[in-house]
Amino acid sequence: MKIHRLYRRQALQMHPEQAWQFFSSPHNLNQITPSFFNVDITSPVPDDIYAGLMISYRMKAVFGIPMAWLSEVSHCEKPKRFIYQQRVGPFHFWSHEVSFTQNGETVILEDIVFYSMRWSWLGDLLHTLVIENKLKGIFDVRQDYLQTNWGLSSTECL
C-alpha cells in the first residue's frame, strides 16, 4: 500500500480569524470544490469545530457515484490549524491538515493531505488512472477560487 501526499500553499489577503471562520466550516465546501463534487452535509455541525467532532457527508467525487464520508476533526488549534481524518469513506486512509500562518497582512494557507487507496494494486492503478488527477483538479479549483476572492496581486509575493 502506497501513501500519497498532496501539498498546497497559498498566500491570502485575510486575517487568521477570517481564514479560520471560512475554512473550518464544512458549509463552505461547495464554494471551494468543483460543482460535480456536490457535498451534502448529513449531520448537524456546530458553529465552532472541536477535536473529536464527527461530520457525515454525501458527495459525488468520482464518476458521479454518490458515496458516504464520515470525518473526524482529530486536531483543532483555533485559529492556527485543524486536521480532519476520514473514518468511513472511499480511501483506506485520509488525513487533511489545514493550517494558517500570519505573514504580515496576509495569511499563508497550507493544505497537507496524506492518503492511501483501498484494493491493493487495483487501488494503486485506479489512483494512477483517475484519482490522482481528480484530487489535483479539486485542489486546483479550490486554489483558483481562493485566488479570485482573497489572492495576492501579481506584484505581491509570499
Protein backbone atom coordinates (compact mmCIF):
# COMPACT_ATOMS: atom_id res chain seq x y z
CA MET A 1 0.00 0.00 0.00
CA LYS A 2 1.47 3.30 -1.11
CA ILE A 3 1.00 6.51 0.92
CA HIS A 4 0.34 9.53 -1.31
CA ARG A 5 0.86 13.17 -0.39
CA LEU A 6 -0.81 16.28 -1.77
CA TYR A 7 0.56 19.67 -0.71
CA ARG A 8 -0.64 23.18 -1.49
CA ARG A 9 0.49 26.56 -0.17
CA GLN A 10 -1.16 29.88 -0.93
CA ALA A 11 -0.98 33.44 0.42
CA LEU A 12 -4.36 35.05 1.05
CA GLN A 13 -5.40 38.57 1.96
CA MET A 14 -7.21 37.51 5.11
CA HIS A 15 -6.71 37.71 8.85
CA PRO A 16 -6.20 34.39 10.65
CA GLU A 17 -9.60 34.63 12.36
CA GLN A 18 -11.33 35.22 8.99
CA ALA A 19 -9.44 32.29 7.44
CA TRP A 20 -10.37 30.08 10.38
CA GLN A 21 -14.05 31.01 10.17
CA PHE A 22 -14.20 30.27 6.44
CA PHE A 23 -12.14 27.08 6.24
CA SER A 24 -13.28 25.40 9.44
CA SER A 25 -16.91 25.46 8.32
CA PRO A 26 -17.84 22.45 6.18
CA HIS A 27 -20.75 24.54 4.90
CA ASN A 28 -18.24 26.31 2.62
CA LEU A 29 -17.02 23.13 0.89
CA ASN A 30 -19.25 23.55 -2.16
CA GLN A 31 -17.83 27.04 -2.74
CA ILE A 32 -14.26 25.78 -2.95
CA THR A 33 -14.77 22.50 -4.79
CA PRO A 34 -15.89 21.69 -8.36
CA SER A 35 -19.63 21.54 -8.94
CA PHE A 36 -19.50 17.78 -9.71
CA PHE A 37 -18.34 17.15 -6.13
CA ASN A 38 -21.72 18.20 -4.69
CA VAL A 39 -21.07 17.91 -0.94
CA ASP A 40 -24.17 17.36 1.18
CA ILE A 41 -23.61 17.53 4.95
CA THR A 42 -25.84 14.93 6.58
CA SER A 43 -25.11 15.58 10.26
CA PRO A 44 -25.53 18.63 12.48
CA VAL A 45 -22.42 20.85 12.56
CA PRO A 46 -21.82 23.38 15.36
CA ASP A 47 -20.60 26.91 14.68
CA ASP A 48 -17.18 26.07 16.15
CA ILE A 49 -15.42 22.82 15.32
CA TYR A 50 -13.56 20.92 18.01
CA ALA A 51 -11.34 17.87 18.31
CA GLY A 52 -13.49 14.76 18.26
CA LEU A 53 -16.27 16.28 16.14
CA MET A 54 -17.68 13.77 13.66
CA ILE A 55 -19.18 15.11 10.42
CA SER A 56 -21.01 12.97 7.87
CA TYR A 57 -21.36 13.85 4.19
CA ARG A 58 -22.62 12.50 0.92
CA MET A 59 -20.68 13.50 -2.18
CA LYS A 60 -20.20 12.58 -5.81
CA ALA A 61 -16.46 12.67 -6.16
CA VAL A 62 -15.83 10.07 -8.88
CA PHE A 63 -17.97 9.18 -11.91
CA GLY A 64 -20.98 10.91 -10.30
CA ILE A 65 -21.40 7.98 -7.90
CA PRO A 66 -22.82 9.09 -4.53
CA MET A 67 -20.70 8.00 -1.59
CA ALA A 68 -20.82 8.39 2.16
CA TRP A 69 -17.96 10.00 4.03
CA LEU A 70 -17.57 10.33 7.80
CA SER A 71 -14.74 12.51 9.02
CA GLU A 72 -13.44 13.30 12.47
CA VAL A 73 -11.75 16.55 13.43
CA SER A 74 -8.76 14.91 15.10
CA HIS A 75 -6.83 18.09 15.99
CA CYS A 76 -8.09 21.61 16.47
CA GLU A 77 -5.88 24.58 17.38
CA LYS A 78 -8.01 27.65 16.72
CA PRO A 79 -7.08 29.80 14.75
CA LYS A 80 -3.87 28.04 13.61
CA ARG A 81 -4.78 24.61 12.25
CA PHE A 82 -7.13 21.70 12.19
CA ILE A 83 -6.84 18.16 10.92
CA TYR A 84 -9.69 16.02 9.79
CA GLN A 85 -9.43 12.33 9.06
CA GLN A 86 -11.72 10.02 7.18
CA ARG A 87 -13.29 7.41 9.43
CA VAL A 88 -15.64 5.95 6.78
CA GLY A 89 -15.23 6.61 3.08
CA PRO A 90 -13.58 5.68 -0.18
CA PHE A 91 -9.94 5.76 0.96
CA HIS A 92 -8.07 3.25 3.08
CA PHE A 93 -6.58 6.26 4.89
CA TRP A 94 -7.14 10.04 4.55
CA SER A 95 -5.76 12.85 6.71
CA HIS A 96 -6.04 16.52 5.71
CA GLU A 97 -4.30 19.26 7.70
CA VAL A 98 -5.32 22.86 7.08
CA SER A 99 -3.04 25.46 8.68
CA PHE A 100 -2.87 29.25 8.77
CA THR A 101 0.26 31.28 9.44
CA GLN A 102 0.12 35.04 9.66
CA ASN A 103 2.65 36.72 7.39
CA GLY A 104 2.32 40.49 7.80
CA GLU A 105 -1.07 41.47 6.38
CA THR A 106 -1.62 38.06 4.78
CA VAL A 107 -2.26 34.50 5.84
CA ILE A 108 -0.33 31.56 4.43
CA LEU A 109 -2.74 28.68 3.91
CA GLU A 110 -1.21 25.23 3.77
CA ASP A 111 -3.03 22.03 2.90
CA ILE A 112 -1.25 18.76 3.58
CA VAL A 113 -3.11 15.59 2.63
CA PHE A 114 -1.85 12.06 3.20
CA TYR A 115 -3.93 9.24 1.80
CA SER A 116 -3.80 5.66 0.63
CA MET A 117 -6.06 3.67 -1.63
CA ARG A 118 -8.09 0.56 -0.91
CA TRP A 119 -7.83 -2.63 -3.00
CA SER A 120 -4.03 -3.07 -3.11
CA TRP A 121 -2.61 -2.97 -6.65
CA LEU A 122 -6.06 -2.32 -8.15
CA GLY A 123 -6.44 0.78 -5.97
CA ASP A 124 -2.96 1.94 -6.96
CA LEU A 125 -3.88 1.50 -10.62
CA LEU A 126 -7.14 3.42 -10.09
CA HIS A 127 -5.11 6.14 -8.38
CA THR A 128 -2.76 6.42 -11.34
CA LEU A 129 -5.54 6.41 -13.94
CA VAL A 130 -8.18 8.58 -12.22
CA ILE A 131 -7.88 9.55 -8.57
CA GLU A 132 -4.58 11.46 -8.57
CA ASN A 133 -5.69 13.84 -11.33
CA LYS A 134 -9.19 14.15 -9.83
CA LEU A 135 -7.74 15.21 -6.46
CA LYS A 136 -5.33 17.65 -8.08
CA GLY A 137 -8.27 19.10 -10.04
CA ILE A 138 -10.32 19.54 -6.87
CA PHE A 139 -7.48 21.42 -5.20
CA ASP A 140 -6.85 23.45 -8.39
CA VAL A 141 -10.47 24.65 -8.28
CA ARG A 142 -10.04 25.47 -4.61
CA GLN A 143 -6.83 27.40 -5.31
CA ASP A 144 -8.45 29.34 -8.18
CA TYR A 145 -11.49 30.25 -6.06
CA LEU A 146 -9.27 31.46 -3.22
CA GLN A 147 -7.02 33.42 -5.59
CA THR A 148 -10.05 35.16 -7.12
CA ASN A 149 -11.53 36.07 -3.73
CA TRP A 150 -8.54 36.63 -1.44
CA GLY A 151 -5.40 36.16 -3.52
CA LEU A 152 -2.45 38.47 -3.74
CA SER A 153 -1.93 40.57 -6.83
CA SER A 154 0.88 39.59 -9.17
CA THR A 155 3.11 42.33 -7.70
CA GLU A 156 2.90 40.80 -4.24
CA CYS A 157 4.67 37.59 -3.27
CA LEU A 158 4.90 35.04 -0.48
